């Protein structure tokens, strides 16, 4: 993952709990990197170690950490750093989700070494959609749930998210049914 992801975890922790807590998390993770360069690619293992360290240090489940990070990613990281890109995604939650399969194509122009997930949509209605999440990375379905919740907040649209298919149960990918 790119350094921007690890920097966002650091920003989430420092904004909510302070620099000392971030330092404790960094030490607990065993990551010997003082600062992350946004445009630099880092091993995925670093990101997972940081998330696990946040979980342990804060007494939260890893699931709760990933959901909180997903919301932060939408509401702070991408909205502040890539506001124009987010605004181009759509005028409301439904439109953004329908356009999501094309979103990472635009992001890859900024981060050419990116290995993005693939999103597909199906069963589109006026107030629901099925979002298919396909990724080489495992263990991030709660991060995606947080992203969806963050998008709901961003568009001032309360959402209900049901995981209707998961790799944890032998499926090829996750499918989230999103209702607003």
N, C-alpha and C. Protein backbone atom coordinates (compact mmCIF):
# COMPACT_ATOMS: atom_id res chain seq x y z
N UNK A 1 0.84 -1.18 0.00
CA UNK A 1 0.00 0.00 0.00
C UNK A 1 0.89 1.24 0.00
N UNK A 2 0.31 2.29 -0.48
CA UNK A 2 1.05 3.54 -0.52
C UNK A 2 1.15 4.16 0.87
N UNK A 3 2.16 4.98 1.06
CA UNK A 3 2.39 5.64 2.33
C UNK A 3 1.23 6.49 2.80
N UNK A 4 0.42 6.98 1.86
CA UNK A 4 -0.73 7.80 2.25
C UNK A 4 -1.67 7.03 3.16
N UNK A 5 -1.74 5.71 2.98
CA UNK A 5 -2.61 4.88 3.82
C UNK A 5 -2.06 4.86 5.24
N UNK A 6 -0.77 4.60 5.37
CA UNK A 6 -0.15 4.55 6.70
C UNK A 6 -0.16 5.93 7.37
N UNK A 7 0.05 6.97 6.58
CA UNK A 7 -0.03 8.34 7.12
C UNK A 7 -1.44 8.63 7.64
N UNK A 8 -2.44 8.12 6.95
CA UNK A 8 -3.82 8.35 7.38
C UNK A 8 -4.10 7.66 8.70
N UNK A 9 -3.54 6.47 8.90
CA UNK A 9 -3.70 5.79 10.19
C UNK A 9 -3.06 6.64 11.29
N UNK A 10 -1.87 7.15 11.01
CA UNK A 10 -1.18 8.01 11.97
C UNK A 10 -2.01 9.26 12.27
N UNK A 11 -2.57 9.88 11.25
CA UNK A 11 -3.38 11.09 11.43
C UNK A 11 -4.64 10.81 12.24
N UNK A 12 -5.27 9.67 11.98
CA UNK A 12 -6.46 9.27 12.74
C UNK A 12 -6.13 9.15 14.22
N UNK A 13 -5.03 8.47 14.53
CA UNK A 13 -4.63 8.27 15.93
C UNK A 13 -4.24 9.60 16.58
N UNK A 14 -3.38 10.37 15.92
CA UNK A 14 -2.91 11.61 16.56
C UNK A 14 -4.04 12.63 16.71
N UNK A 15 -4.94 12.70 15.76
CA UNK A 15 -6.06 13.65 15.86
C UNK A 15 -6.98 13.31 17.02
N UNK A 16 -7.16 12.02 17.28
CA UNK A 16 -8.10 11.60 18.32
C UNK A 16 -7.47 11.29 19.67
N UNK A 17 -6.18 10.92 19.68
CA UNK A 17 -5.57 10.45 20.92
C UNK A 17 -4.21 11.06 21.23
N UNK A 18 -3.63 11.80 20.29
CA UNK A 18 -2.38 12.50 20.54
C UNK A 18 -1.14 11.78 20.02
N UNK A 19 -0.05 12.54 19.98
CA UNK A 19 1.23 12.05 19.47
C UNK A 19 1.79 10.91 20.32
N UNK A 20 1.61 11.00 21.65
CA UNK A 20 2.17 9.97 22.53
C UNK A 20 1.54 8.61 22.23
N UNK A 21 0.23 8.62 21.99
CA UNK A 21 -0.46 7.35 21.70
C UNK A 21 0.03 6.80 20.36
N UNK A 22 0.24 7.68 19.38
CA UNK A 22 0.77 7.21 18.10
C UNK A 22 2.14 6.57 18.29
N UNK A 23 2.99 7.21 19.07
CA UNK A 23 4.33 6.66 19.30
C UNK A 23 4.25 5.29 19.96
N UNK A 24 3.33 5.13 20.92
CA UNK A 24 3.14 3.83 21.57
C UNK A 24 2.68 2.78 20.57
N UNK A 25 1.80 3.18 19.66
CA UNK A 25 1.30 2.26 18.63
C UNK A 25 2.41 1.89 17.66
N UNK A 26 3.18 2.87 17.25
CA UNK A 26 4.29 2.61 16.33
C UNK A 26 5.29 1.65 16.96
N UNK A 27 5.62 1.85 18.22
CA UNK A 27 6.54 0.96 18.91
C UNK A 27 5.96 -0.44 19.06
N UNK A 28 4.68 -0.52 19.42
CA UNK A 28 4.01 -1.82 19.58
C UNK A 28 3.99 -2.59 18.27
N UNK A 29 3.84 -1.87 17.16
CA UNK A 29 3.76 -2.52 15.84
C UNK A 29 5.10 -3.11 15.40
N UNK A 30 6.19 -2.59 15.97
CA UNK A 30 7.51 -3.04 15.55
C UNK A 30 7.97 -2.42 14.25
N UNK A 31 7.23 -1.43 13.76
CA UNK A 31 7.58 -0.75 12.52
C UNK A 31 8.63 0.31 12.83
N UNK A 32 9.77 0.21 12.20
CA UNK A 32 10.87 1.13 12.46
C UNK A 32 10.97 2.19 11.35
N UNK A 33 9.86 2.87 11.13
CA UNK A 33 9.79 3.93 10.13
C UNK A 33 9.28 5.18 10.84
N UNK A 34 10.06 6.23 10.83
CA UNK A 34 9.68 7.44 11.55
C UNK A 34 8.58 8.24 10.87
N UNK A 35 8.58 8.24 9.53
CA UNK A 35 7.51 8.92 8.81
C UNK A 35 7.30 8.23 7.47
N UNK A 36 6.07 8.31 6.99
CA UNK A 36 5.70 7.67 5.74
C UNK A 36 5.61 8.70 4.63
N UNK A 37 6.11 8.37 3.47
CA UNK A 37 6.03 9.24 2.30
C UNK A 37 4.79 8.83 1.51
N UNK A 38 3.88 9.77 1.33
CA UNK A 38 2.58 9.46 0.71
C UNK A 38 2.69 8.72 -0.60
N UNK A 39 3.61 9.13 -1.46
CA UNK A 39 3.69 8.57 -2.81
C UNK A 39 4.59 7.34 -2.90
N UNK A 40 5.11 6.88 -1.77
CA UNK A 40 5.98 5.71 -1.73
C UNK A 40 5.16 4.45 -1.45
N UNK A 41 5.48 3.37 -2.16
CA UNK A 41 4.79 2.09 -1.93
C UNK A 41 5.47 1.37 -0.76
N UNK A 42 4.64 0.83 0.15
CA UNK A 42 5.12 0.07 1.31
C UNK A 42 4.47 -1.30 1.29
N UNK A 43 5.10 -2.25 1.94
CA UNK A 43 4.55 -3.60 2.06
C UNK A 43 3.22 -3.55 2.82
N UNK A 44 2.23 -4.31 2.35
CA UNK A 44 0.93 -4.36 3.01
C UNK A 44 1.05 -4.77 4.47
N UNK A 45 2.05 -5.58 4.78
CA UNK A 45 2.25 -6.07 6.14
C UNK A 45 2.41 -4.92 7.13
N UNK A 46 3.02 -3.83 6.70
CA UNK A 46 3.20 -2.67 7.58
C UNK A 46 1.84 -2.11 8.00
N UNK A 47 0.94 -1.97 7.04
CA UNK A 47 -0.38 -1.44 7.32
C UNK A 47 -1.14 -2.34 8.28
N UNK A 48 -1.07 -3.65 8.05
CA UNK A 48 -1.76 -4.59 8.93
C UNK A 48 -1.16 -4.58 10.34
N UNK A 49 0.16 -4.48 10.45
CA UNK A 49 0.80 -4.40 11.77
C UNK A 49 0.35 -3.14 12.51
N UNK A 50 0.24 -2.04 11.80
CA UNK A 50 -0.22 -0.80 12.43
C UNK A 50 -1.66 -0.94 12.92
N UNK A 51 -2.53 -1.52 12.09
CA UNK A 51 -3.93 -1.70 12.48
C UNK A 51 -4.05 -2.61 13.70
N UNK A 52 -3.27 -3.68 13.73
CA UNK A 52 -3.29 -4.60 14.88
C UNK A 52 -2.79 -3.89 16.13
N UNK A 53 -1.73 -3.09 15.98
CA UNK A 53 -1.19 -2.35 17.13
C UNK A 53 -2.21 -1.34 17.65
N UNK A 54 -2.94 -0.66 16.76
CA UNK A 54 -4.00 0.26 17.20
C UNK A 54 -5.03 -0.53 17.99
N UNK A 55 -5.43 -1.67 17.48
CA UNK A 55 -6.42 -2.52 18.14
C UNK A 55 -5.97 -2.89 19.55
N UNK A 56 -4.74 -3.34 19.68
CA UNK A 56 -4.21 -3.76 20.98
C UNK A 56 -4.04 -2.58 21.92
N UNK A 57 -3.48 -1.51 21.43
CA UNK A 57 -3.19 -0.34 22.28
C UNK A 57 -4.48 0.34 22.75
N UNK A 58 -5.50 0.35 21.90
CA UNK A 58 -6.74 1.06 22.22
C UNK A 58 -7.79 0.15 22.84
N UNK A 59 -7.52 -1.17 22.89
CA UNK A 59 -8.50 -2.10 23.44
C UNK A 59 -9.74 -2.21 22.58
N UNK A 60 -9.55 -2.13 21.28
CA UNK A 60 -10.65 -2.22 20.31
C UNK A 60 -10.47 -3.49 19.50
N UNK A 61 -11.56 -3.98 18.94
CA UNK A 61 -11.43 -5.10 18.02
C UNK A 61 -10.78 -4.59 16.73
N UNK A 62 -10.13 -5.48 16.02
CA UNK A 62 -9.55 -5.11 14.73
C UNK A 62 -10.66 -4.65 13.78
N UNK A 63 -11.80 -5.29 13.86
CA UNK A 63 -12.95 -4.89 13.04
C UNK A 63 -13.32 -3.44 13.29
N UNK A 64 -13.41 -3.04 14.56
CA UNK A 64 -13.77 -1.66 14.90
C UNK A 64 -12.71 -0.68 14.40
N UNK A 65 -11.44 -1.06 14.48
CA UNK A 65 -10.36 -0.20 13.99
C UNK A 65 -10.49 0.00 12.48
N UNK A 66 -10.72 -1.08 11.75
CA UNK A 66 -10.82 -0.99 10.29
C UNK A 66 -12.04 -0.18 9.85
N UNK A 67 -13.15 -0.34 10.56
CA UNK A 67 -14.35 0.45 10.24
C UNK A 67 -14.08 1.93 10.49
N UNK A 68 -13.50 2.25 11.65
CA UNK A 68 -13.18 3.65 11.97
C UNK A 68 -12.21 4.23 10.95
N UNK A 69 -11.24 3.42 10.54
CA UNK A 69 -10.28 3.91 9.56
C UNK A 69 -10.95 4.13 8.19
N UNK A 70 -11.87 3.27 7.81
CA UNK A 70 -12.60 3.45 6.56
C UNK A 70 -13.37 4.76 6.54
N UNK A 71 -14.04 5.06 7.65
CA UNK A 71 -14.77 6.33 7.74
C UNK A 71 -13.80 7.51 7.66
N UNK A 72 -12.70 7.42 8.40
CA UNK A 72 -11.69 8.48 8.39
C UNK A 72 -11.15 8.69 6.98
N UNK A 73 -10.90 7.59 6.28
CA UNK A 73 -10.34 7.66 4.93
C UNK A 73 -11.24 8.50 4.02
N UNK A 74 -12.56 8.27 4.11
CA UNK A 74 -13.49 9.02 3.27
C UNK A 74 -13.65 10.45 3.75
N UNK A 75 -13.89 10.63 5.05
CA UNK A 75 -14.27 11.94 5.57
C UNK A 75 -13.09 12.89 5.74
N UNK A 76 -11.90 12.37 5.92
CA UNK A 76 -10.74 13.23 6.13
C UNK A 76 -9.73 13.10 5.00
N UNK A 77 -9.17 11.92 4.83
CA UNK A 77 -8.06 11.75 3.89
C UNK A 77 -8.45 12.11 2.47
N UNK A 78 -9.41 11.39 1.90
CA UNK A 78 -9.72 11.64 0.49
C UNK A 78 -10.47 12.94 0.29
N UNK A 79 -11.36 13.27 1.20
CA UNK A 79 -12.14 14.51 1.03
C UNK A 79 -11.22 15.73 1.09
N UNK A 80 -10.23 15.72 2.01
CA UNK A 80 -9.33 16.87 2.15
C UNK A 80 -8.24 16.89 1.08
N UNK A 81 -7.68 15.72 0.75
CA UNK A 81 -6.56 15.68 -0.18
C UNK A 81 -7.00 15.54 -1.64
N UNK A 82 -8.15 14.95 -1.86
CA UNK A 82 -8.61 14.69 -3.23
C UNK A 82 -10.08 15.08 -3.38
N UNK A 83 -10.42 16.25 -2.86
CA UNK A 83 -11.82 16.69 -2.88
C UNK A 83 -12.44 16.71 -4.26
N UNK A 84 -11.68 17.21 -5.24
CA UNK A 84 -12.20 17.26 -6.61
C UNK A 84 -12.50 15.88 -7.17
N UNK A 85 -11.65 14.93 -6.86
CA UNK A 85 -11.85 13.56 -7.31
C UNK A 85 -13.11 12.96 -6.67
N UNK A 86 -13.29 13.25 -5.38
CA UNK A 86 -14.48 12.75 -4.69
C UNK A 86 -15.74 13.39 -5.24
N UNK A 87 -15.69 14.70 -5.47
CA UNK A 87 -16.86 15.40 -5.99
C UNK A 87 -17.23 14.91 -7.39
N UNK A 88 -16.24 14.53 -8.17
CA UNK A 88 -16.50 14.03 -9.53
C UNK A 88 -17.19 12.68 -9.50
N UNK A 89 -17.18 12.02 -8.34
CA UNK A 89 -17.78 10.69 -8.23
C UNK A 89 -19.29 10.69 -8.29
N UNK A 90 -19.92 11.80 -7.96
CA UNK A 90 -21.38 11.84 -8.02
C UNK A 90 -21.97 12.88 -7.09
N UNK A 91 -23.23 13.19 -7.34
CA UNK A 91 -23.94 14.20 -6.56
C UNK A 91 -24.63 13.64 -5.32
N UNK A 92 -24.76 12.32 -5.26
CA UNK A 92 -25.38 11.69 -4.10
C UNK A 92 -24.78 10.29 -3.93
N UNK A 93 -25.15 9.64 -2.85
CA UNK A 93 -24.58 8.33 -2.54
C UNK A 93 -24.83 7.32 -3.65
N UNK A 94 -26.04 7.27 -4.13
CA UNK A 94 -26.39 6.31 -5.19
C UNK A 94 -25.51 6.51 -6.42
N UNK A 95 -25.38 7.75 -6.86
CA UNK A 95 -24.57 8.06 -8.04
C UNK A 95 -23.10 7.72 -7.79
N UNK A 96 -22.59 8.04 -6.60
CA UNK A 96 -21.20 7.74 -6.29
C UNK A 96 -20.95 6.23 -6.35
N UNK A 97 -21.85 5.45 -5.74
CA UNK A 97 -21.68 3.99 -5.74
C UNK A 97 -21.75 3.41 -7.15
N UNK A 98 -22.63 3.94 -7.98
CA UNK A 98 -22.73 3.48 -9.37
C UNK A 98 -21.44 3.80 -10.13
N UNK A 99 -20.83 4.94 -9.82
CA UNK A 99 -19.59 5.35 -10.48
C UNK A 99 -18.33 4.75 -9.85
N UNK A 100 -18.47 4.10 -8.72
CA UNK A 100 -17.31 3.58 -7.99
C UNK A 100 -16.43 2.65 -8.81
N UNK A 101 -16.98 1.79 -9.68
CA UNK A 101 -16.09 0.94 -10.47
C UNK A 101 -15.06 1.72 -11.30
N UNK A 102 -15.36 2.96 -11.66
CA UNK A 102 -14.43 3.78 -12.44
C UNK A 102 -13.49 4.62 -11.58
N UNK A 103 -13.80 4.71 -10.29
CA UNK A 103 -13.06 5.60 -9.39
C UNK A 103 -11.57 5.27 -9.33
N UNK A 104 -11.23 4.00 -9.17
CA UNK A 104 -9.82 3.64 -9.04
C UNK A 104 -9.04 3.83 -10.34
N UNK A 105 -9.72 3.86 -11.47
CA UNK A 105 -9.03 4.17 -12.73
C UNK A 105 -8.44 5.58 -12.65
N UNK A 106 -9.20 6.51 -12.06
CA UNK A 106 -8.71 7.88 -11.91
C UNK A 106 -7.61 7.94 -10.84
N UNK A 107 -7.76 7.17 -9.78
CA UNK A 107 -6.76 7.16 -8.71
C UNK A 107 -5.44 6.61 -9.22
N UNK A 108 -5.50 5.65 -10.13
CA UNK A 108 -4.27 5.05 -10.67
C UNK A 108 -3.45 6.04 -11.49
N UNK A 109 -4.07 7.12 -11.94
CA UNK A 109 -3.31 8.17 -12.61
C UNK A 109 -2.40 8.88 -11.62
N UNK A 110 -2.82 8.94 -10.36
CA UNK A 110 -2.03 9.59 -9.31
C UNK A 110 -1.01 8.60 -8.73
N UNK A 111 -1.44 7.34 -8.56
CA UNK A 111 -0.59 6.32 -7.94
C UNK A 111 -0.44 5.15 -8.91
N UNK A 112 0.49 5.21 -9.85
CA UNK A 112 0.60 4.20 -10.90
C UNK A 112 0.96 2.79 -10.42
N UNK A 113 1.55 2.65 -9.24
CA UNK A 113 1.90 1.32 -8.73
C UNK A 113 0.79 0.73 -7.86
N UNK A 114 -0.34 1.39 -7.83
CA UNK A 114 -1.47 0.96 -7.01
C UNK A 114 -1.99 -0.40 -7.47
N UNK A 115 -2.29 -1.26 -6.51
CA UNK A 115 -3.00 -2.51 -6.78
C UNK A 115 -4.39 -2.34 -6.16
N UNK A 116 -5.30 -1.73 -6.92
CA UNK A 116 -6.59 -1.39 -6.33
C UNK A 116 -7.54 -2.58 -6.30
N UNK A 117 -8.51 -2.51 -5.42
CA UNK A 117 -9.57 -3.51 -5.48
C UNK A 117 -10.45 -3.21 -6.69
N UNK A 118 -11.30 -4.14 -7.00
CA UNK A 118 -12.27 -3.92 -8.07
C UNK A 118 -13.65 -3.88 -7.43
N UNK A 119 -14.45 -2.93 -7.87
CA UNK A 119 -15.83 -2.83 -7.41
C UNK A 119 -16.76 -3.00 -8.60
N UNK A 120 -17.81 -3.72 -8.37
CA UNK A 120 -18.89 -3.86 -9.35
C UNK A 120 -20.19 -3.61 -8.62
N UNK A 121 -21.21 -3.18 -9.35
CA UNK A 121 -22.51 -2.96 -8.74
C UNK A 121 -23.56 -3.80 -9.46
N UNK A 122 -24.58 -4.19 -8.70
CA UNK A 122 -25.69 -4.94 -9.26
C UNK A 122 -26.95 -4.63 -8.45
N UNK A 123 -28.07 -5.08 -8.96
CA UNK A 123 -29.35 -4.94 -8.25
C UNK A 123 -29.59 -3.50 -7.79
N UNK A 124 -29.44 -2.57 -8.72
CA UNK A 124 -29.58 -1.15 -8.41
C UNK A 124 -31.05 -0.77 -8.38
N UNK A 125 -31.47 -0.16 -7.26
CA UNK A 125 -32.82 0.40 -7.16
C UNK A 125 -32.69 1.86 -6.73
N UNK A 126 -33.81 2.51 -6.49
CA UNK A 126 -33.78 3.90 -6.05
C UNK A 126 -33.15 4.06 -4.67
N UNK A 127 -33.28 3.03 -3.81
CA UNK A 127 -32.76 3.18 -2.45
C UNK A 127 -31.90 2.00 -1.98
N UNK A 128 -31.33 1.27 -2.92
CA UNK A 128 -30.41 0.20 -2.54
C UNK A 128 -29.53 -0.20 -3.72
N UNK A 129 -28.46 -0.88 -3.38
CA UNK A 129 -27.52 -1.35 -4.41
C UNK A 129 -26.71 -2.49 -3.79
N UNK A 130 -26.30 -3.42 -4.61
CA UNK A 130 -25.34 -4.43 -4.18
C UNK A 130 -23.97 -4.02 -4.69
N UNK A 131 -23.02 -3.93 -3.76
CA UNK A 131 -21.66 -3.56 -4.10
C UNK A 131 -20.77 -4.78 -3.97
N UNK A 132 -20.17 -5.18 -5.09
CA UNK A 132 -19.27 -6.34 -5.12
C UNK A 132 -17.85 -5.83 -4.92
N UNK A 133 -17.16 -6.42 -3.95
CA UNK A 133 -15.79 -6.03 -3.61
C UNK A 133 -14.86 -7.20 -3.92
N UNK A 134 -13.98 -6.98 -4.90
CA UNK A 134 -13.02 -8.02 -5.30
C UNK A 134 -11.62 -7.47 -5.07
N UNK A 135 -10.81 -8.21 -4.32
CA UNK A 135 -9.48 -7.73 -4.00
C UNK A 135 -8.53 -8.90 -3.79
N UNK A 136 -7.27 -8.66 -4.12
CA UNK A 136 -6.24 -9.65 -3.83
C UNK A 136 -5.93 -9.66 -2.35
N UNK A 137 -6.21 -8.55 -1.68
CA UNK A 137 -5.95 -8.42 -0.24
C UNK A 137 -7.11 -9.01 0.54
N UNK A 138 -6.78 -9.83 1.52
CA UNK A 138 -7.82 -10.37 2.39
C UNK A 138 -7.86 -9.61 3.69
N UNK A 139 -8.98 -9.68 4.37
CA UNK A 139 -9.09 -9.09 5.70
C UNK A 139 -9.48 -7.63 5.72
N UNK A 140 -9.95 -7.08 4.62
CA UNK A 140 -10.28 -5.66 4.58
C UNK A 140 -11.77 -5.38 4.42
N UNK A 141 -12.61 -6.39 4.60
CA UNK A 141 -14.04 -6.14 4.41
C UNK A 141 -14.59 -5.13 5.41
N UNK A 142 -14.04 -5.08 6.62
CA UNK A 142 -14.51 -4.08 7.59
C UNK A 142 -14.04 -2.68 7.21
N UNK A 143 -12.88 -2.57 6.57
CA UNK A 143 -12.43 -1.29 6.05
C UNK A 143 -13.42 -0.80 4.98
N UNK A 144 -13.85 -1.70 4.10
CA UNK A 144 -14.83 -1.35 3.06
C UNK A 144 -16.15 -0.93 3.71
N UNK A 145 -16.56 -1.64 4.76
CA UNK A 145 -17.78 -1.26 5.49
C UNK A 145 -17.63 0.18 6.01
N UNK A 146 -16.46 0.50 6.56
CA UNK A 146 -16.21 1.86 7.04
C UNK A 146 -16.24 2.88 5.92
N UNK A 147 -15.68 2.50 4.76
CA UNK A 147 -15.74 3.40 3.59
C UNK A 147 -17.19 3.71 3.22
N UNK A 148 -18.02 2.68 3.19
CA UNK A 148 -19.43 2.86 2.83
C UNK A 148 -20.12 3.75 3.86
N UNK A 149 -19.86 3.49 5.15
CA UNK A 149 -20.45 4.33 6.19
C UNK A 149 -19.97 5.77 6.05
N UNK A 150 -18.69 5.95 5.75
CA UNK A 150 -18.16 7.30 5.55
C UNK A 150 -18.82 8.00 4.38
N UNK A 151 -19.05 7.27 3.30
CA UNK A 151 -19.75 7.86 2.15
C UNK A 151 -21.17 8.26 2.53
N UNK A 152 -21.84 7.44 3.32
CA UNK A 152 -23.18 7.79 3.80
C UNK A 152 -23.16 9.09 4.59
N UNK A 153 -22.17 9.24 5.46
CA UNK A 153 -22.03 10.47 6.24
C UNK A 153 -21.72 11.64 5.32
N UNK A 154 -20.80 11.44 4.39
CA UNK A 154 -20.41 12.50 3.46
C UNK A 154 -21.61 13.03 2.67
N UNK A 155 -22.48 12.13 2.26
CA UNK A 155 -23.66 12.51 1.48
C UNK A 155 -24.89 12.73 2.35
N UNK A 156 -24.69 12.76 3.69
CA UNK A 156 -25.80 12.96 4.61
C UNK A 156 -26.94 11.98 4.34
N UNK A 157 -26.56 10.73 4.13
CA UNK A 157 -27.51 9.67 3.79
C UNK A 157 -27.28 8.47 4.72
N UNK A 158 -28.14 8.29 5.72
CA UNK A 158 -27.97 7.12 6.59
C UNK A 158 -28.04 5.82 5.79
N UNK A 159 -27.14 4.90 6.10
CA UNK A 159 -27.09 3.64 5.36
C UNK A 159 -27.21 2.45 6.30
N UNK A 160 -27.77 1.39 5.77
CA UNK A 160 -27.76 0.08 6.40
C UNK A 160 -26.94 -0.81 5.47
N UNK A 161 -25.98 -1.51 6.05
CA UNK A 161 -25.06 -2.33 5.25
C UNK A 161 -25.19 -3.78 5.69
N UNK A 162 -25.54 -4.64 4.76
CA UNK A 162 -25.63 -6.06 5.03
C UNK A 162 -24.60 -6.79 4.18
N UNK A 163 -23.76 -7.59 4.81
CA UNK A 163 -22.81 -8.42 4.08
C UNK A 163 -23.55 -9.69 3.68
N UNK A 164 -23.80 -9.84 2.38
CA UNK A 164 -24.61 -10.97 1.93
C UNK A 164 -23.78 -12.10 1.30
N UNK A 165 -22.49 -11.83 1.08
CA UNK A 165 -21.59 -12.86 0.57
C UNK A 165 -20.18 -12.51 1.02
N UNK A 166 -19.40 -13.52 1.44
CA UNK A 166 -18.05 -13.24 1.91
C UNK A 166 -17.09 -14.38 1.60
N UNK A 167 -15.84 -14.01 1.40
CA UNK A 167 -14.79 -15.02 1.20
C UNK A 167 -14.61 -15.86 2.46
N UNK A 168 -14.96 -15.30 3.61
CA UNK A 168 -14.86 -16.04 4.86
C UNK A 168 -15.72 -17.30 4.85
N UNK A 169 -16.73 -17.31 3.99
CA UNK A 169 -17.63 -18.46 3.88
C UNK A 169 -17.48 -19.17 2.54
N UNK A 170 -16.33 -18.97 1.88
CA UNK A 170 -16.03 -19.71 0.67
C UNK A 170 -16.39 -19.05 -0.65
N UNK A 171 -16.96 -17.85 -0.61
CA UNK A 171 -17.30 -17.15 -1.85
C UNK A 171 -16.04 -16.56 -2.48
N UNK A 172 -16.16 -16.16 -3.72
CA UNK A 172 -15.01 -15.60 -4.44
C UNK A 172 -14.73 -14.14 -4.07
N UNK A 173 -15.75 -13.45 -3.53
CA UNK A 173 -15.61 -12.03 -3.17
C UNK A 173 -16.74 -11.64 -2.23
N UNK A 174 -16.64 -10.42 -1.70
CA UNK A 174 -17.69 -9.91 -0.82
C UNK A 174 -18.75 -9.18 -1.62
N UNK A 175 -19.97 -9.27 -1.15
CA UNK A 175 -21.06 -8.46 -1.68
C UNK A 175 -21.75 -7.80 -0.49
N UNK A 176 -21.81 -6.47 -0.56
CA UNK A 176 -22.50 -5.67 0.44
C UNK A 176 -23.81 -5.18 -0.16
N UNK A 177 -24.91 -5.43 0.55
CA UNK A 177 -26.18 -4.84 0.17
C UNK A 177 -26.29 -3.55 0.97
N UNK A 178 -26.40 -2.43 0.25
CA UNK A 178 -26.41 -1.10 0.88
C UNK A 178 -27.81 -0.51 0.65
N UNK A 179 -28.45 -0.14 1.76
CA UNK A 179 -29.80 0.42 1.71
C UNK A 179 -29.75 1.81 2.32
N UNK A 180 -30.42 2.76 1.70
CA UNK A 180 -30.50 4.11 2.26
C UNK A 180 -31.90 4.62 2.22
